[in-house]
Amino acid sequence: MANANTEHSKKLRAATAAAAKRQKLKSGEYRQISIYAPTEEMDIIDAAVAKAGGTKRQALVKICAEWLARQDGN
């Protein structure tokens, strides 16, 4: 059996994953955001993400869903 951890294999998997990501972005299945903010604001965001738990994406979804639910409740 071939070694799946050769440099060639790693580069091939990375290229395949990148192509799949580009396709999902192109099709509209996925969207991407980037945050560029002052350190003090990013510290607040990082603290909220850490407290919410999970990946950054999971934490942001949870934080936003809870905030929206509170807004709908008013």
C-alpha atoms as a PDB file:
ATOM      1  CA  MET A   1       0.000   0.000   0.000  1.00  0.00           C
ATOM      2  CA  ALA A   2       1.312   3.447  -0.893  1.00  0.00           C
ATOM      3  CA  ASN A   3       2.179   5.903   1.815  1.00  0.00           C
ATOM      4  CA  ALA A   4      -0.643   8.459   2.034  1.00  0.00           C
ATOM      5  CA  ASN A   5       1.630  10.951   3.786  1.00  0.00           C
ATOM      6  CA  THR A   6       4.132  11.631   1.033  1.00  0.00           C
ATOM      7  CA  GLU A   7       4.656  15.241  -0.033  1.00  0.00           C
ATOM      8  CA  HIS A   8       2.990  14.459  -3.348  1.00  0.00           C
ATOM      9  CA  SER A   9      -0.068  12.975  -1.587  1.00  0.00           C
ATOM     10  CA  LYS A  10      -0.328  15.951   0.773  1.00  0.00           C
ATOM     11  CA  LYS A  11      -0.131  18.418  -2.121  1.00  0.00           C
ATOM     12  CA  LEU A  12      -2.711  16.460  -4.126  1.00  0.00           C
ATOM     13  CA  ARG A  13      -5.171  16.361  -1.201  1.00  0.00           C
ATOM     14  CA  ALA A  14      -4.642  20.084  -0.568  1.00  0.00           C
ATOM     15  CA  ALA A  15      -5.260  20.890  -4.233  1.00  0.00           C
ATOM     16  CA  THR A  16      -8.390  18.718  -4.294  1.00  0.00           C
ATOM     17  CA  ALA A  17      -9.737  20.372  -1.148  1.00  0.00           C
ATOM     18  CA  ALA A  18      -8.996  23.854  -2.500  1.00  0.00           C
ATOM     19  CA  ALA A  19     -10.789  23.068  -5.761  1.00  0.00           C
ATOM     20  CA  ALA A  20     -13.822  21.751  -3.878  1.00  0.00           C
ATOM     21  CA  LYS A  21     -13.881  24.889  -1.711  1.00  0.00           C
ATOM     22  CA  ARG A  22     -13.652  27.167  -4.765  1.00  0.00           C
ATOM     23  CA  GLN A  23     -16.534  25.283  -6.408  1.00  0.00           C
ATOM     24  CA  LYS A  24     -18.727  25.611  -3.311  1.00  0.00           C
ATOM     25  CA  LEU A  25     -17.993  29.341  -3.154  1.00  0.00           C
ATOM     26  CA  LYS A  26     -18.660  29.751  -6.880  1.00  0.00           C
ATOM     27  CA  SER A  27     -21.965  27.863  -6.717  1.00  0.00           C
ATOM     28  CA  GLY A  28     -23.201  29.902  -3.763  1.00  0.00           C
ATOM     29  CA  GLU A  29     -23.388  26.821  -1.530  1.00  0.00           C
ATOM     30  CA  TYR A  30     -20.828  28.465   0.765  1.00  0.00           C
ATOM     31  CA  ARG A  31     -20.015  32.080   1.544  1.00  0.00           C
ATOM     32  CA  GLN A  32     -16.969  33.488   3.238  1.00  0.00           C
ATOM     33  CA  ILE A  33     -16.357  36.452   5.511  1.00  0.00           C
ATOM     34  CA  SER A  34     -13.193  38.048   6.769  1.00  0.00           C
ATOM     35  CA  ILE A  35     -12.977  40.346   9.761  1.00  0.00           C
ATOM     36  CA  TYR A  36     -10.450  43.146   9.914  1.00  0.00           C
ATOM     37  CA  ALA A  37     -10.847  45.063  13.167  1.00  0.00           C
ATOM     38  CA  PRO A  38      -8.896  46.784  15.927  1.00  0.00           C
ATOM     39  CA  THR A  39      -7.265  44.443  18.419  1.00  0.00           C
ATOM     40  CA  GLU A  40      -9.582  45.500  21.249  1.00  0.00           C
ATOM     41  CA  GLU A  41     -12.674  44.554  19.228  1.00  0.00           C
ATOM     42  CA  MET A  42     -11.158  41.269  18.084  1.00  0.00           C
ATOM     43  CA  ASP A  43     -10.357  40.449  21.721  1.00  0.00           C
ATOM     44  CA  ILE A  44     -14.075  40.811  22.523  1.00  0.00           C
ATOM     45  CA  ILE A  45     -15.037  38.620  19.565  1.00  0.00           C
ATOM     46  CA  ASP A  46     -12.416  35.999  20.503  1.00  0.00           C
ATOM     47  CA  ALA A  47     -13.653  35.941  24.116  1.00  0.00           C
ATOM     48  CA  ALA A  48     -17.264  35.459  22.989  1.00  0.00           C
ATOM     49  CA  VAL A  49     -16.246  32.686  20.587  1.00  0.00           C
ATOM     50  CA  ALA A  50     -14.240  30.932  23.307  1.00  0.00           C
ATOM     51  CA  LYS A  51     -17.142  31.168  25.755  1.00  0.00           C
ATOM     52  CA  ALA A  52     -19.650  29.846  23.184  1.00  0.00           C
ATOM     53  CA  GLY A  53     -17.412  26.875  22.423  1.00  0.00           C
ATOM     54  CA  GLY A  54     -16.900  24.763  19.334  1.00  0.00           C
ATOM     55  CA  THR A  55     -15.234  25.961  16.184  1.00  0.00           C
ATOM     56  CA  LYS A  56     -15.229  29.664  15.383  1.00  0.00           C
ATOM     57  CA  ARG A  57     -17.964  29.097  12.823  1.00  0.00           C
ATOM     58  CA  GLN A  58     -20.108  27.086  15.237  1.00  0.00           C
ATOM     59  CA  ALA A  59     -19.613  29.668  17.983  1.00  0.00           C
ATOM     60  CA  LEU A  60     -20.530  32.595  15.724  1.00  0.00           C
ATOM     61  CA  VAL A  61     -23.667  30.792  14.504  1.00  0.00           C
ATOM     62  CA  LYS A  62     -24.669  30.122  18.121  1.00  0.00           C
ATOM     63  CA  ILE A  63     -24.001  33.713  19.226  1.00  0.00           C
ATOM     64  CA  CYS A  64     -25.916  35.174  16.277  1.00  0.00           C
ATOM     65  CA  ALA A  65     -28.854  32.756  16.658  1.00  0.00           C
ATOM     66  CA  GLU A  66     -29.176  33.607  20.351  1.00  0.00           C
ATOM     67  CA  TRP A  67     -28.986  37.333  19.628  1.00  0.00           C
ATOM     68  CA  LEU A  68     -31.623  37.068  16.892  1.00  0.00           C
ATOM     69  CA  ALA A  69     -33.911  35.027  19.168  1.00  0.00           C
ATOM     70  CA  ARG A  70     -33.674  37.742  21.838  1.00  0.00           C
ATOM     71  CA  GLN A  71     -34.478  40.425  19.241  1.00  0.00           C
ATOM     72  CA  ASP A  72     -37.546  38.468  18.074  1.00  0.00           C
ATOM     73  CA  GLY A  73     -38.649  38.051  21.684  1.00  0.00           C
ATOM     74  CA  ASN A  74     -38.869  41.816  22.295  1.00  0.00           C
END
